[in-house]
N, C-alpha and C. Protein backbone atom coordinates (compact mmCIF):
# COMPACT_ATOMS: atom_id res chain seq x y z
N MET A 1 7.89 -3.11 -11.09
CA MET A 1 8.46 -3.88 -10.00
C MET A 1 8.37 -5.36 -10.37
N GLU A 2 9.49 -6.03 -10.29
CA GLU A 2 9.54 -7.45 -10.63
C GLU A 2 9.93 -8.26 -9.41
N SER A 3 9.42 -9.48 -9.31
CA SER A 3 9.74 -10.39 -8.20
C SER A 3 9.52 -9.70 -6.86
N THR A 4 8.34 -9.16 -6.67
CA THR A 4 8.02 -8.41 -5.46
C THR A 4 7.53 -9.35 -4.37
N THR A 5 8.01 -9.14 -3.14
CA THR A 5 7.57 -9.94 -1.99
C THR A 5 7.09 -9.02 -0.88
N LEU A 6 6.23 -9.56 -0.04
CA LEU A 6 5.73 -8.84 1.13
C LEU A 6 5.95 -9.72 2.34
N ALA A 7 6.81 -9.28 3.26
CA ALA A 7 7.13 -10.06 4.46
C ALA A 7 6.50 -9.40 5.68
N GLY A 8 6.14 -10.22 6.67
CA GLY A 8 5.58 -9.72 7.91
C GLY A 8 4.09 -9.98 8.04
N ILE A 9 3.49 -10.59 7.02
CA ILE A 9 2.05 -10.86 7.02
C ILE A 9 1.67 -11.77 8.19
N LYS A 10 2.50 -12.71 8.54
CA LYS A 10 2.18 -13.67 9.60
C LYS A 10 2.12 -13.03 10.98
N ASP A 11 2.64 -11.82 11.12
CA ASP A 11 2.69 -11.17 12.42
C ASP A 11 1.58 -10.14 12.62
N LEU A 12 0.53 -10.17 11.80
CA LEU A 12 -0.57 -9.24 11.94
C LEU A 12 -1.36 -9.55 13.21
N ALA A 13 -1.89 -8.50 13.86
CA ALA A 13 -2.68 -8.68 15.08
C ALA A 13 -3.97 -7.88 14.97
N ALA A 14 -5.12 -8.57 15.07
CA ALA A 14 -6.43 -7.90 15.02
C ALA A 14 -6.65 -7.13 16.33
N HIS A 15 -7.35 -5.98 16.23
CA HIS A 15 -7.64 -5.18 17.43
C HIS A 15 -8.87 -4.32 17.18
N ASP A 16 -9.63 -4.03 18.22
CA ASP A 16 -10.75 -3.08 18.21
C ASP A 16 -11.69 -3.24 17.02
N SER A 17 -11.95 -4.47 16.61
CA SER A 17 -12.84 -4.74 15.49
C SER A 17 -14.28 -4.87 15.98
N THR A 18 -15.25 -4.52 15.10
CA THR A 18 -16.66 -4.60 15.49
C THR A 18 -17.50 -5.20 14.36
N ILE A 19 -18.60 -5.83 14.75
CA ILE A 19 -19.61 -6.32 13.82
C ILE A 19 -20.96 -5.89 14.39
N GLU A 20 -21.78 -5.22 13.57
CA GLU A 20 -23.08 -4.74 14.03
C GLU A 20 -24.14 -5.08 12.99
N GLY A 21 -25.33 -5.49 13.47
CA GLY A 21 -26.45 -5.72 12.58
C GLY A 21 -26.83 -7.18 12.50
N VAL A 22 -27.82 -7.45 11.64
CA VAL A 22 -28.32 -8.79 11.40
C VAL A 22 -28.51 -8.95 9.90
N GLY A 23 -28.17 -10.12 9.36
CA GLY A 23 -28.33 -10.37 7.92
C GLY A 23 -27.20 -9.75 7.12
N LEU A 24 -27.35 -8.49 6.78
CA LEU A 24 -26.29 -7.73 6.14
C LEU A 24 -25.65 -6.88 7.23
N VAL A 25 -24.48 -7.28 7.70
CA VAL A 25 -23.88 -6.65 8.87
C VAL A 25 -22.79 -5.67 8.48
N GLN A 26 -22.63 -4.66 9.31
CA GLN A 26 -21.55 -3.68 9.16
C GLN A 26 -20.33 -4.21 9.90
N VAL A 27 -19.21 -4.29 9.20
CA VAL A 27 -17.98 -4.82 9.77
C VAL A 27 -16.91 -3.74 9.76
N ASP A 28 -16.21 -3.63 10.86
CA ASP A 28 -15.04 -2.75 10.98
C ASP A 28 -13.92 -3.64 11.50
N PHE A 29 -13.04 -4.07 10.59
CA PHE A 29 -11.99 -5.03 10.93
C PHE A 29 -10.65 -4.31 10.91
N ARG A 30 -9.97 -4.31 12.05
CA ARG A 30 -8.71 -3.59 12.20
C ARG A 30 -7.57 -4.56 12.48
N VAL A 31 -6.50 -4.38 11.73
CA VAL A 31 -5.32 -5.23 11.88
C VAL A 31 -4.09 -4.33 11.98
N LEU A 32 -3.24 -4.63 12.95
CA LEU A 32 -2.00 -3.88 13.10
C LEU A 32 -0.84 -4.75 12.67
N ALA A 33 -0.02 -4.21 11.79
CA ALA A 33 1.21 -4.87 11.37
C ALA A 33 2.36 -4.14 12.05
N GLY A 34 3.07 -4.81 12.92
CA GLY A 34 4.22 -4.19 13.57
C GLY A 34 5.25 -3.76 12.56
N THR A 35 5.59 -4.67 11.64
CA THR A 35 6.52 -4.37 10.55
C THR A 35 6.13 -5.18 9.32
N LEU A 36 5.97 -4.49 8.21
CA LEU A 36 5.78 -5.13 6.90
C LEU A 36 6.92 -4.66 6.00
N THR A 37 7.45 -5.57 5.20
CA THR A 37 8.53 -5.22 4.29
C THR A 37 8.14 -5.60 2.87
N LEU A 38 8.03 -4.59 2.01
CA LEU A 38 7.78 -4.78 0.59
C LEU A 38 9.14 -4.70 -0.10
N ALA A 39 9.50 -5.76 -0.81
CA ALA A 39 10.82 -5.80 -1.46
C ALA A 39 10.68 -6.28 -2.89
N THR A 40 11.51 -5.73 -3.75
CA THR A 40 11.54 -6.16 -5.14
C THR A 40 12.99 -6.34 -5.59
N ASP A 41 13.19 -7.35 -6.42
CA ASP A 41 14.52 -7.57 -6.98
C ASP A 41 14.87 -6.52 -8.02
N HIS A 42 13.82 -5.94 -8.65
CA HIS A 42 14.10 -4.97 -9.70
C HIS A 42 12.94 -4.01 -9.90
N TYR A 43 13.22 -2.73 -9.78
CA TYR A 43 12.26 -1.69 -10.10
C TYR A 43 12.85 -0.86 -11.23
N THR A 44 12.01 -0.14 -11.93
CA THR A 44 12.46 0.82 -12.94
C THR A 44 11.64 2.09 -12.76
N ILE A 45 12.32 3.22 -12.64
CA ILE A 45 11.66 4.52 -12.56
C ILE A 45 12.24 5.39 -13.66
N SER A 46 11.37 6.02 -14.42
CA SER A 46 11.80 6.94 -15.46
C SER A 46 10.67 7.93 -15.67
N GLY A 47 10.90 9.18 -15.28
CA GLY A 47 9.84 10.17 -15.45
C GLY A 47 10.15 11.47 -14.76
N THR A 48 9.09 12.23 -14.56
CA THR A 48 9.19 13.56 -13.98
C THR A 48 8.33 13.62 -12.72
N VAL A 49 8.87 14.22 -11.66
CA VAL A 49 8.14 14.40 -10.41
C VAL A 49 7.87 15.89 -10.22
N VAL A 50 6.71 16.23 -9.76
CA VAL A 50 6.31 17.60 -9.46
C VAL A 50 6.60 18.52 -10.66
N ASP A 51 6.19 18.09 -11.82
CA ASP A 51 6.23 18.84 -13.07
C ASP A 51 7.61 19.13 -13.65
N HIS A 52 8.69 19.04 -12.87
CA HIS A 52 9.96 19.45 -13.46
C HIS A 52 11.19 18.73 -12.94
N ILE A 53 11.06 17.79 -12.04
CA ILE A 53 12.22 17.09 -11.50
C ILE A 53 12.32 15.72 -12.17
N GLU A 54 13.37 15.53 -12.96
CA GLU A 54 13.58 14.26 -13.65
C GLU A 54 14.04 13.21 -12.64
N MET A 55 13.46 12.01 -12.75
CA MET A 55 13.86 10.91 -11.87
C MET A 55 14.12 9.67 -12.71
N GLN A 56 15.27 9.03 -12.49
CA GLN A 56 15.67 7.83 -13.20
C GLN A 56 16.26 6.85 -12.20
N GLY A 57 16.14 5.58 -12.51
CA GLY A 57 16.81 4.59 -11.68
C GLY A 57 16.25 3.20 -11.90
N GLU A 58 17.04 2.23 -11.48
CA GLU A 58 16.60 0.84 -11.50
C GLU A 58 17.49 0.03 -10.59
N GLY A 59 16.93 -1.07 -10.09
CA GLY A 59 17.67 -1.95 -9.20
C GLY A 59 16.75 -2.52 -8.14
N PRO A 60 17.30 -3.10 -7.10
CA PRO A 60 16.47 -3.63 -6.01
C PRO A 60 15.94 -2.49 -5.14
N ALA A 61 14.84 -2.76 -4.44
CA ALA A 61 14.24 -1.75 -3.58
C ALA A 61 13.52 -2.41 -2.41
N THR A 62 13.48 -1.69 -1.28
CA THR A 62 12.69 -2.14 -0.13
C THR A 62 11.95 -0.95 0.47
N ILE A 63 10.76 -1.25 0.98
CA ILE A 63 9.98 -0.29 1.75
C ILE A 63 9.58 -1.02 3.03
N VAL A 64 10.05 -0.51 4.17
CA VAL A 64 9.73 -1.11 5.47
C VAL A 64 8.72 -0.22 6.17
N MET A 65 7.54 -0.79 6.46
CA MET A 65 6.46 -0.05 7.11
C MET A 65 6.36 -0.48 8.57
N GLU A 66 6.33 0.51 9.47
CA GLU A 66 6.26 0.22 10.91
C GLU A 66 4.96 0.74 11.49
N ASN A 67 4.38 -0.07 12.39
CA ASN A 67 3.11 0.27 13.03
C ASN A 67 2.08 0.70 11.98
N PHE A 68 1.78 -0.22 11.12
CA PHE A 68 0.90 -0.02 9.98
C PHE A 68 -0.48 -0.59 10.33
N ASP A 69 -1.47 0.29 10.47
CA ASP A 69 -2.83 -0.10 10.82
C ASP A 69 -3.65 -0.23 9.54
N ILE A 70 -4.22 -1.40 9.34
CA ILE A 70 -5.01 -1.71 8.16
C ILE A 70 -6.45 -1.88 8.61
N ILE A 71 -7.35 -1.07 8.08
CA ILE A 71 -8.75 -1.09 8.52
C ILE A 71 -9.63 -1.37 7.31
N LEU A 72 -10.42 -2.43 7.40
CA LEU A 72 -11.39 -2.78 6.37
C LEU A 72 -12.78 -2.53 6.93
N THR A 73 -13.54 -1.70 6.25
CA THR A 73 -14.90 -1.37 6.67
C THR A 73 -15.84 -1.72 5.52
N GLY A 74 -16.92 -2.41 5.85
CA GLY A 74 -17.85 -2.75 4.80
C GLY A 74 -19.06 -3.50 5.30
N LYS A 75 -19.82 -4.03 4.36
CA LYS A 75 -21.03 -4.80 4.68
C LYS A 75 -20.84 -6.23 4.20
N VAL A 76 -21.21 -7.17 5.11
CA VAL A 76 -21.06 -8.59 4.82
C VAL A 76 -22.43 -9.26 4.89
N ASN A 77 -22.73 -10.08 3.89
CA ASN A 77 -23.92 -10.92 3.92
C ASN A 77 -23.59 -12.13 4.78
N VAL A 78 -24.30 -12.27 5.90
CA VAL A 78 -24.00 -13.33 6.86
C VAL A 78 -24.23 -14.71 6.24
N LEU A 79 -25.23 -14.85 5.38
CA LEU A 79 -25.55 -16.15 4.79
C LEU A 79 -24.47 -16.62 3.82
N THR A 80 -23.91 -15.69 3.05
CA THR A 80 -22.90 -16.08 2.05
C THR A 80 -21.47 -15.84 2.54
N THR A 81 -21.33 -15.16 3.66
CA THR A 81 -20.02 -14.71 4.20
C THR A 81 -19.20 -14.01 3.13
N GLN A 82 -19.86 -13.18 2.35
CA GLN A 82 -19.19 -12.40 1.32
C GLN A 82 -19.49 -10.92 1.55
N PHE A 83 -18.49 -10.09 1.35
CA PHE A 83 -18.69 -8.64 1.42
C PHE A 83 -19.50 -8.19 0.21
N THR A 84 -20.41 -7.25 0.42
CA THR A 84 -21.12 -6.63 -0.70
C THR A 84 -20.49 -5.28 -1.03
N GLU A 85 -19.81 -4.70 -0.05
CA GLU A 85 -19.02 -3.49 -0.27
C GLU A 85 -17.91 -3.47 0.77
N ILE A 86 -16.80 -2.86 0.40
CA ILE A 86 -15.66 -2.82 1.32
C ILE A 86 -14.77 -1.62 0.98
N TYR A 87 -14.22 -1.02 2.02
CA TYR A 87 -13.32 0.13 1.87
C TYR A 87 -12.10 -0.08 2.75
N LEU A 88 -10.99 0.40 2.28
CA LEU A 88 -9.72 0.27 2.97
C LEU A 88 -9.29 1.61 3.54
N ASP A 89 -8.83 1.58 4.78
CA ASP A 89 -8.24 2.76 5.41
C ASP A 89 -6.87 2.34 5.93
N LEU A 90 -5.83 3.02 5.52
CA LEU A 90 -4.47 2.70 5.93
C LEU A 90 -3.91 3.83 6.78
N GLU A 91 -3.40 3.47 7.94
CA GLU A 91 -2.76 4.44 8.82
C GLU A 91 -1.34 3.98 9.07
N LEU A 92 -0.39 4.83 8.78
CA LEU A 92 1.02 4.48 8.86
C LEU A 92 1.74 5.39 9.83
N TRP A 93 2.50 4.80 10.76
CA TRP A 93 3.30 5.60 11.68
C TRP A 93 4.60 6.04 11.01
N ARG A 94 5.29 5.07 10.39
CA ARG A 94 6.56 5.40 9.72
C ARG A 94 6.89 4.34 8.68
N TRP A 95 7.57 4.78 7.63
CA TRP A 95 8.16 3.82 6.70
C TRP A 95 9.52 4.31 6.28
N THR A 96 10.34 3.36 5.85
CA THR A 96 11.69 3.66 5.38
C THR A 96 11.82 3.11 3.97
N VAL A 97 12.25 3.97 3.06
CA VAL A 97 12.34 3.63 1.64
C VAL A 97 13.80 3.55 1.24
N ASP A 98 14.14 2.50 0.49
CA ASP A 98 15.49 2.37 -0.04
C ASP A 98 15.43 1.81 -1.46
N PHE A 99 15.48 2.72 -2.45
CA PHE A 99 15.56 2.34 -3.85
C PHE A 99 17.03 2.43 -4.25
N GLU A 100 17.68 1.27 -4.38
CA GLU A 100 19.08 1.27 -4.79
C GLU A 100 19.15 1.65 -6.26
N GLY A 101 20.20 2.38 -6.64
CA GLY A 101 20.39 2.75 -8.04
C GLY A 101 19.52 3.91 -8.49
N LEU A 102 18.91 4.60 -7.55
CA LEU A 102 18.07 5.75 -7.90
C LEU A 102 18.96 6.95 -8.19
N MET A 103 18.74 7.59 -9.32
CA MET A 103 19.54 8.73 -9.77
C MET A 103 21.03 8.38 -9.79
N PRO A 104 21.40 7.38 -10.60
CA PRO A 104 22.79 6.90 -10.60
C PRO A 104 23.78 8.00 -10.97
N GLY A 105 24.94 7.93 -10.31
CA GLY A 105 26.00 8.89 -10.58
C GLY A 105 25.84 10.21 -9.84
N THR A 106 24.81 10.32 -9.00
CA THR A 106 24.59 11.55 -8.24
C THR A 106 24.25 11.20 -6.79
N ASP A 107 24.21 12.20 -5.94
CA ASP A 107 23.77 12.02 -4.55
C ASP A 107 22.27 12.18 -4.42
N LEU A 108 21.59 12.46 -5.52
CA LEU A 108 20.15 12.69 -5.47
C LEU A 108 19.36 11.45 -5.08
N GLY A 109 19.90 10.25 -5.32
CA GLY A 109 19.21 9.03 -4.93
C GLY A 109 18.97 8.99 -3.44
N THR A 110 19.98 9.39 -2.66
CA THR A 110 19.84 9.45 -1.21
C THR A 110 18.80 10.49 -0.82
N VAL A 111 18.80 11.62 -1.49
CA VAL A 111 17.83 12.68 -1.20
C VAL A 111 16.41 12.19 -1.50
N PHE A 112 16.22 11.52 -2.64
CA PHE A 112 14.89 11.01 -2.99
C PHE A 112 14.43 9.94 -2.01
N ASN A 113 15.33 9.03 -1.62
CA ASN A 113 14.96 8.02 -0.63
C ASN A 113 14.52 8.68 0.68
N GLU A 114 15.25 9.70 1.12
CA GLU A 114 14.85 10.42 2.34
C GLU A 114 13.52 11.15 2.14
N PHE A 115 13.33 11.73 0.95
CA PHE A 115 12.09 12.42 0.62
C PHE A 115 10.91 11.45 0.68
N PHE A 116 11.05 10.28 0.01
CA PHE A 116 9.96 9.30 0.02
C PHE A 116 9.73 8.74 1.42
N THR A 117 10.78 8.60 2.21
CA THR A 117 10.62 8.16 3.60
C THR A 117 9.83 9.20 4.39
N MET A 118 10.15 10.46 4.21
CA MET A 118 9.47 11.54 4.91
C MET A 118 7.99 11.62 4.52
N CYS A 119 7.68 11.34 3.28
CA CYS A 119 6.31 11.47 2.76
C CYS A 119 5.50 10.18 2.89
N GLY A 120 5.98 9.23 3.67
CA GLY A 120 5.32 7.94 3.79
C GLY A 120 3.83 7.99 4.05
N PRO A 121 3.37 8.68 5.10
CA PRO A 121 1.93 8.70 5.38
C PRO A 121 1.10 9.25 4.22
N GLU A 122 1.57 10.29 3.57
CA GLU A 122 0.80 10.85 2.46
C GLU A 122 0.81 9.91 1.25
N LEU A 123 1.93 9.26 0.98
CA LEU A 123 1.98 8.29 -0.12
C LEU A 123 1.08 7.09 0.17
N VAL A 124 1.03 6.66 1.44
CA VAL A 124 0.15 5.55 1.81
C VAL A 124 -1.32 5.96 1.65
N ASP A 125 -1.65 7.21 1.94
CA ASP A 125 -3.02 7.69 1.69
C ASP A 125 -3.35 7.61 0.20
N MET A 126 -2.38 7.95 -0.65
CA MET A 126 -2.60 7.87 -2.09
C MET A 126 -2.74 6.41 -2.53
N LEU A 127 -1.95 5.51 -1.92
CA LEU A 127 -2.05 4.09 -2.22
C LEU A 127 -3.43 3.57 -1.82
N GLU A 128 -3.89 3.95 -0.64
CA GLU A 128 -5.22 3.57 -0.16
C GLU A 128 -6.30 3.98 -1.18
N LYS A 129 -6.20 5.20 -1.65
CA LYS A 129 -7.18 5.71 -2.62
C LYS A 129 -7.14 4.89 -3.91
N LYS A 130 -5.94 4.58 -4.41
CA LYS A 130 -5.81 3.81 -5.64
C LYS A 130 -6.37 2.39 -5.47
N ILE A 131 -6.12 1.77 -4.33
CA ILE A 131 -6.66 0.43 -4.08
C ILE A 131 -8.18 0.49 -4.03
N ASN A 132 -8.74 1.47 -3.32
CA ASN A 132 -10.20 1.60 -3.23
C ASN A 132 -10.82 1.87 -4.60
N GLU A 133 -10.16 2.68 -5.41
CA GLU A 133 -10.68 3.00 -6.75
C GLU A 133 -10.55 1.85 -7.74
N SER A 134 -9.61 0.93 -7.49
CA SER A 134 -9.36 -0.14 -8.46
C SER A 134 -10.51 -1.14 -8.57
N GLY A 135 -11.31 -1.27 -7.52
CA GLY A 135 -12.38 -2.25 -7.51
C GLY A 135 -11.92 -3.67 -7.27
N LYS A 136 -10.62 -3.87 -7.09
CA LYS A 136 -10.07 -5.21 -6.91
C LYS A 136 -10.12 -5.68 -5.45
N LEU A 137 -10.30 -4.76 -4.52
CA LEU A 137 -10.28 -5.11 -3.11
C LEU A 137 -11.43 -6.05 -2.74
N LEU A 138 -12.62 -5.79 -3.25
CA LEU A 138 -13.79 -6.62 -2.94
C LEU A 138 -13.55 -8.07 -3.38
N ASP A 139 -13.07 -8.26 -4.60
CA ASP A 139 -12.79 -9.61 -5.09
C ASP A 139 -11.68 -10.27 -4.28
N PHE A 140 -10.65 -9.50 -3.93
CA PHE A 140 -9.53 -10.04 -3.16
C PHE A 140 -10.00 -10.56 -1.80
N VAL A 141 -10.75 -9.73 -1.06
CA VAL A 141 -11.21 -10.12 0.28
C VAL A 141 -12.21 -11.26 0.19
N ASN A 142 -13.13 -11.21 -0.76
CA ASN A 142 -14.09 -12.30 -0.91
C ASN A 142 -13.41 -13.60 -1.31
N GLY A 143 -12.31 -13.50 -2.06
CA GLY A 143 -11.52 -14.69 -2.39
C GLY A 143 -10.92 -15.32 -1.15
N ILE A 144 -10.46 -14.49 -0.23
CA ILE A 144 -9.93 -15.01 1.04
C ILE A 144 -11.04 -15.73 1.80
N LEU A 145 -12.21 -15.09 1.91
CA LEU A 145 -13.32 -15.64 2.69
C LEU A 145 -13.86 -16.94 2.09
N SER A 146 -13.82 -17.06 0.77
CA SER A 146 -14.35 -18.26 0.11
C SER A 146 -13.30 -19.36 -0.03
N GLY A 147 -12.03 -19.02 0.22
CA GLY A 147 -10.96 -20.00 0.08
C GLY A 147 -10.52 -20.20 -1.37
N THR A 148 -10.94 -19.31 -2.26
CA THR A 148 -10.58 -19.47 -3.68
C THR A 148 -9.51 -18.49 -4.14
N GLY A 149 -9.03 -17.65 -3.26
CA GLY A 149 -8.03 -16.67 -3.67
C GLY A 149 -7.52 -15.91 -2.48
N GLY A 150 -6.94 -14.76 -2.77
CA GLY A 150 -6.47 -13.90 -1.70
C GLY A 150 -5.12 -14.29 -1.14
N GLY A 151 -4.31 -15.00 -1.91
CA GLY A 151 -3.00 -15.41 -1.45
C GLY A 151 -2.01 -14.26 -1.42
N ALA A 152 -0.83 -14.55 -0.91
CA ALA A 152 0.22 -13.53 -0.78
C ALA A 152 0.59 -12.94 -2.14
N ALA A 153 0.61 -13.77 -3.18
CA ALA A 153 0.97 -13.26 -4.51
C ALA A 153 -0.08 -12.27 -5.01
N GLU A 154 -1.36 -12.55 -4.74
CA GLU A 154 -2.42 -11.63 -5.16
C GLU A 154 -2.34 -10.31 -4.38
N LEU A 155 -2.05 -10.40 -3.08
CA LEU A 155 -1.92 -9.18 -2.27
C LEU A 155 -0.75 -8.34 -2.75
N THR A 156 0.37 -8.98 -2.98
CA THR A 156 1.55 -8.26 -3.46
C THR A 156 1.27 -7.61 -4.81
N SER A 157 0.58 -8.32 -5.69
CA SER A 157 0.23 -7.77 -7.01
C SER A 157 -0.69 -6.56 -6.87
N LEU A 158 -1.69 -6.64 -5.98
CA LEU A 158 -2.61 -5.53 -5.76
C LEU A 158 -1.86 -4.29 -5.27
N ILE A 159 -0.96 -4.48 -4.33
CA ILE A 159 -0.19 -3.35 -3.77
C ILE A 159 0.77 -2.79 -4.82
N ALA A 160 1.51 -3.68 -5.47
CA ALA A 160 2.51 -3.22 -6.45
C ALA A 160 1.84 -2.49 -7.62
N SER A 161 0.72 -3.01 -8.12
CA SER A 161 0.06 -2.35 -9.25
C SER A 161 -0.52 -1.00 -8.82
N SER A 162 -0.96 -0.89 -7.59
CA SER A 162 -1.48 0.39 -7.09
C SER A 162 -0.36 1.40 -6.90
N PHE A 163 0.82 0.96 -6.43
CA PHE A 163 1.97 1.86 -6.30
C PHE A 163 2.34 2.45 -7.66
N GLN A 164 2.26 1.64 -8.70
CA GLN A 164 2.64 2.10 -10.03
C GLN A 164 1.71 3.18 -10.54
N LYS A 165 0.50 3.28 -9.99
CA LYS A 165 -0.49 4.25 -10.47
C LYS A 165 -0.50 5.54 -9.67
N ILE A 166 0.36 5.66 -8.67
CA ILE A 166 0.38 6.87 -7.85
C ILE A 166 1.02 8.00 -8.64
N ASP A 167 0.36 9.14 -8.68
CA ASP A 167 0.84 10.32 -9.38
C ASP A 167 1.50 11.24 -8.36
N LEU A 168 2.81 11.26 -8.34
CA LEU A 168 3.55 12.04 -7.35
C LEU A 168 3.40 13.54 -7.53
N GLN A 169 2.87 13.96 -8.67
CA GLN A 169 2.69 15.39 -8.90
C GLN A 169 1.59 15.97 -8.01
N HIS A 170 0.77 15.11 -7.42
CA HIS A 170 -0.34 15.59 -6.60
C HIS A 170 -0.05 15.49 -5.11
N LEU A 171 1.20 15.29 -4.73
CA LEU A 171 1.56 15.31 -3.31
C LEU A 171 1.35 16.72 -2.77
N ASN A 172 0.84 16.81 -1.57
CA ASN A 172 0.60 18.10 -0.93
C ASN A 172 1.87 18.49 -0.14
N LEU A 173 2.85 19.00 -0.85
CA LEU A 173 4.12 19.34 -0.25
C LEU A 173 4.42 20.81 -0.51
N PRO A 174 4.04 21.67 0.43
CA PRO A 174 4.17 23.11 0.20
C PRO A 174 5.60 23.58 -0.09
N PHE A 175 6.60 22.87 0.42
CA PHE A 175 7.97 23.31 0.20
C PHE A 175 8.44 23.06 -1.23
N LEU A 176 7.67 22.30 -2.04
CA LEU A 176 8.03 22.06 -3.42
C LEU A 176 7.26 22.96 -4.39
N THR A 177 6.27 23.66 -3.90
CA THR A 177 5.46 24.50 -4.79
C THR A 177 5.91 25.95 -4.68
N GLN A 178 5.57 26.72 -5.68
CA GLN A 178 6.01 28.12 -5.70
C GLN A 178 4.95 29.03 -5.10
């Protein structure tokens, strides 16, 4: 994904967040995004999905996420205002996927876009797992808290690089298995 942007960040709303403890406190920070839009000027897909379905394409793409709940849970050192551990939980109501130029010359691009739209919550669960496994979330959030990082470009890079690591062969889709 090249020239990727994330729109809607300014409209986030915190809700039902908690802080418990003294010194090293447990934090549960919840943010709801009414609409977030991930867009790229150019994506490239070339490979196999679910062991035997060839997928090709390139061009611009958008993913619009609606009612996207972002939950950060972890421990914060009150003296340093830095997280010592942090985990991400993503809850998605709906998303709409539009990869232009997917499966060129066929109607399969529309089918794949509908398929990815339908599988939004499960794909977001996989994205959540990849972000948590990357180890980059702690540095990203602490960069925001210290004022030394955590900008929109870093967030977009974290999300885009995690999307690239999702293995679609492990989707739990019974209608695709034998």
